Amino acid sequence: MRAYDARTSRLAVVLFSFLFFFFVLSSAYSEEKPSNSTLTSDSTYQMNCAKCHGKTAEGRHFGGPSLVSEKVSSSSPDDLRNIIANGKGRMPKYSGKLSAEDINRLILEIKAANIKQ
């Protein structure tokens, strides 16, 4: 009878530990990300960028990469301007489609969305 009680209590401890870590990890991953609402609400972004980079700028599978990432955060404004204006890889160039002001505004919004909060 005692072996059964010991196994039951060990099982309860293991189950409790699993549930505790599950809830801790799920709450850690559900924390809100930095806001990129200025970028994603921009009509220029919506018309030209969202179809590839996603409505939330977090990228799309088989589409454009996330614009709220470490790689983009470490890119200089000149690098971003060059990529937007001249294209890179599968990204088309937008120099004839967007004004310099539109490109500059997008760069500022992309940089603002990447600021760690």
Protein backbone atom coordinates (compact mmCIF):
# COMPACT_ATOMS: atom_id res chain seq x y z
CA MET A 1 0.00 0.00 0.00
CA ARG A 2 2.86 2.39 0.76
CA ALA A 3 4.44 1.88 -2.72
CA TYR A 4 1.20 3.00 -4.29
CA ASP A 5 1.07 6.16 -2.14
CA ALA A 6 4.70 7.03 -2.94
CA ARG A 7 4.13 6.62 -6.70
CA THR A 8 0.97 8.68 -6.52
CA SER A 9 2.68 11.51 -4.67
CA ARG A 10 5.64 11.47 -7.10
CA LEU A 11 3.21 11.59 -10.01
CA ALA A 12 1.40 14.51 -8.40
CA VAL A 13 4.69 16.39 -7.93
CA VAL A 14 5.72 15.76 -11.54
CA LEU A 15 2.30 16.81 -12.82
CA PHE A 16 2.29 19.94 -10.67
CA SER A 17 5.81 20.84 -11.84
CA PHE A 18 4.84 20.36 -15.48
CA LEU A 19 1.75 22.55 -15.13
CA PHE A 20 3.70 25.21 -13.24
CA PHE A 21 6.39 25.44 -15.95
CA PHE A 22 3.77 25.34 -18.71
CA PHE A 23 1.99 28.38 -17.25
CA VAL A 24 5.23 30.24 -16.58
CA LEU A 25 6.45 29.68 -20.15
CA SER A 26 3.11 30.51 -21.73
CA SER A 27 2.89 33.78 -19.82
CA ALA A 28 6.46 34.67 -20.83
CA TYR A 29 5.67 34.14 -24.50
CA SER A 30 2.37 35.98 -24.35
CA GLU A 31 3.91 39.26 -23.22
CA GLU A 32 3.09 42.07 -25.58
CA LYS A 33 5.69 42.95 -28.20
CA PRO A 34 6.79 46.52 -28.82
CA SER A 35 4.12 48.48 -30.62
CA ASN A 36 4.59 48.95 -34.35
CA SER A 37 1.15 50.46 -34.89
CA THR A 38 2.46 53.68 -36.46
CA LEU A 39 4.21 51.68 -39.17
CA THR A 40 1.36 49.28 -39.83
CA SER A 41 -1.31 51.99 -39.85
CA ASP A 42 0.59 54.04 -42.44
CA SER A 43 -1.32 53.95 -45.74
CA THR A 44 1.95 53.77 -47.69
CA TYR A 45 2.92 50.66 -45.70
CA GLN A 46 -0.52 49.12 -46.17
CA MET A 47 -0.54 49.70 -49.93
CA ASN A 48 3.07 48.76 -50.70
CA CYS A 49 4.62 46.68 -47.91
CA ALA A 50 1.92 44.72 -46.04
CA LYS A 51 1.32 42.23 -48.83
CA CYS A 52 4.84 40.82 -48.33
CA HIS A 53 5.86 41.88 -44.81
CA GLY A 54 2.46 41.20 -43.24
CA LYS A 55 -0.18 43.40 -41.66
CA THR A 56 1.78 43.46 -38.40
CA ALA A 57 5.22 43.89 -40.07
CA GLU A 58 6.34 40.61 -38.52
CA GLY A 59 6.96 38.99 -41.90
CA ARG A 60 5.14 36.31 -43.83
CA HIS A 61 6.08 32.74 -44.59
CA PHE A 62 7.34 32.69 -48.21
CA GLY A 63 7.05 36.47 -48.22
CA GLY A 64 9.07 39.36 -46.93
CA PRO A 65 11.03 39.11 -43.68
CA SER A 66 10.01 40.70 -40.42
CA LEU A 67 10.57 44.43 -40.18
CA VAL A 68 10.63 44.20 -36.38
CA SER A 69 13.73 42.09 -35.96
CA GLU A 70 17.30 42.27 -34.72
CA LYS A 71 18.61 42.36 -38.29
CA VAL A 72 16.47 45.33 -39.29
CA SER A 73 17.14 47.04 -35.97
CA SER A 74 20.89 46.89 -36.58
CA SER A 75 20.58 48.18 -40.16
CA SER A 76 21.42 51.82 -40.75
CA PRO A 77 18.84 54.21 -42.20
CA ASP A 78 21.00 54.44 -45.34
CA ASP A 79 20.94 50.65 -45.74
CA LEU A 80 17.16 50.61 -45.36
CA ARG A 81 16.79 53.51 -47.79
CA ASN A 82 18.94 51.67 -50.34
CA ILE A 83 16.94 48.45 -49.99
CA ILE A 84 13.58 50.22 -50.30
CA ALA A 85 14.67 52.42 -53.21
CA ASN A 86 16.69 49.87 -55.20
CA GLY A 87 15.28 46.55 -54.07
CA LYS A 88 17.18 43.51 -52.84
CA GLY A 89 16.66 39.85 -53.64
CA ARG A 90 12.96 39.35 -54.26
CA MET A 91 12.06 42.81 -53.00
CA PRO A 92 11.23 45.15 -55.88
CA LYS A 93 12.60 48.66 -56.08
CA TYR A 94 10.31 51.46 -55.02
CA SER A 95 12.31 54.50 -56.14
CA GLY A 96 9.87 55.26 -58.98
CA LYS A 97 6.77 54.29 -56.98
CA LEU A 98 7.37 56.11 -53.68
CA SER A 99 8.55 59.65 -53.08
CA ALA A 100 11.71 60.33 -51.06
CA GLU A 101 9.47 61.63 -48.27
CA ASP A 102 7.45 58.39 -48.22
CA ILE A 103 10.64 56.32 -48.06
CA ASN A 104 12.07 58.48 -45.27
CA ARG A 105 8.82 58.26 -43.29
CA LEU A 106 8.80 54.45 -43.65
CA ILE A 107 12.41 54.28 -42.44
CA LEU A 108 11.59 56.39 -39.37
CA GLU A 109 8.55 54.21 -38.62
CA ILE A 110 10.54 50.99 -39.10
CA LYS A 111 13.25 52.26 -36.76
CA ALA A 112 10.63 53.34 -34.19
CA ALA A 113 8.97 49.92 -34.31
CA ASN A 114 12.32 48.30 -33.50
CA ILE A 115 13.02 50.32 -30.35
CA LYS A 116 13.02 47.96 -27.38
CA GLN A 117 10.40 48.91 -24.83
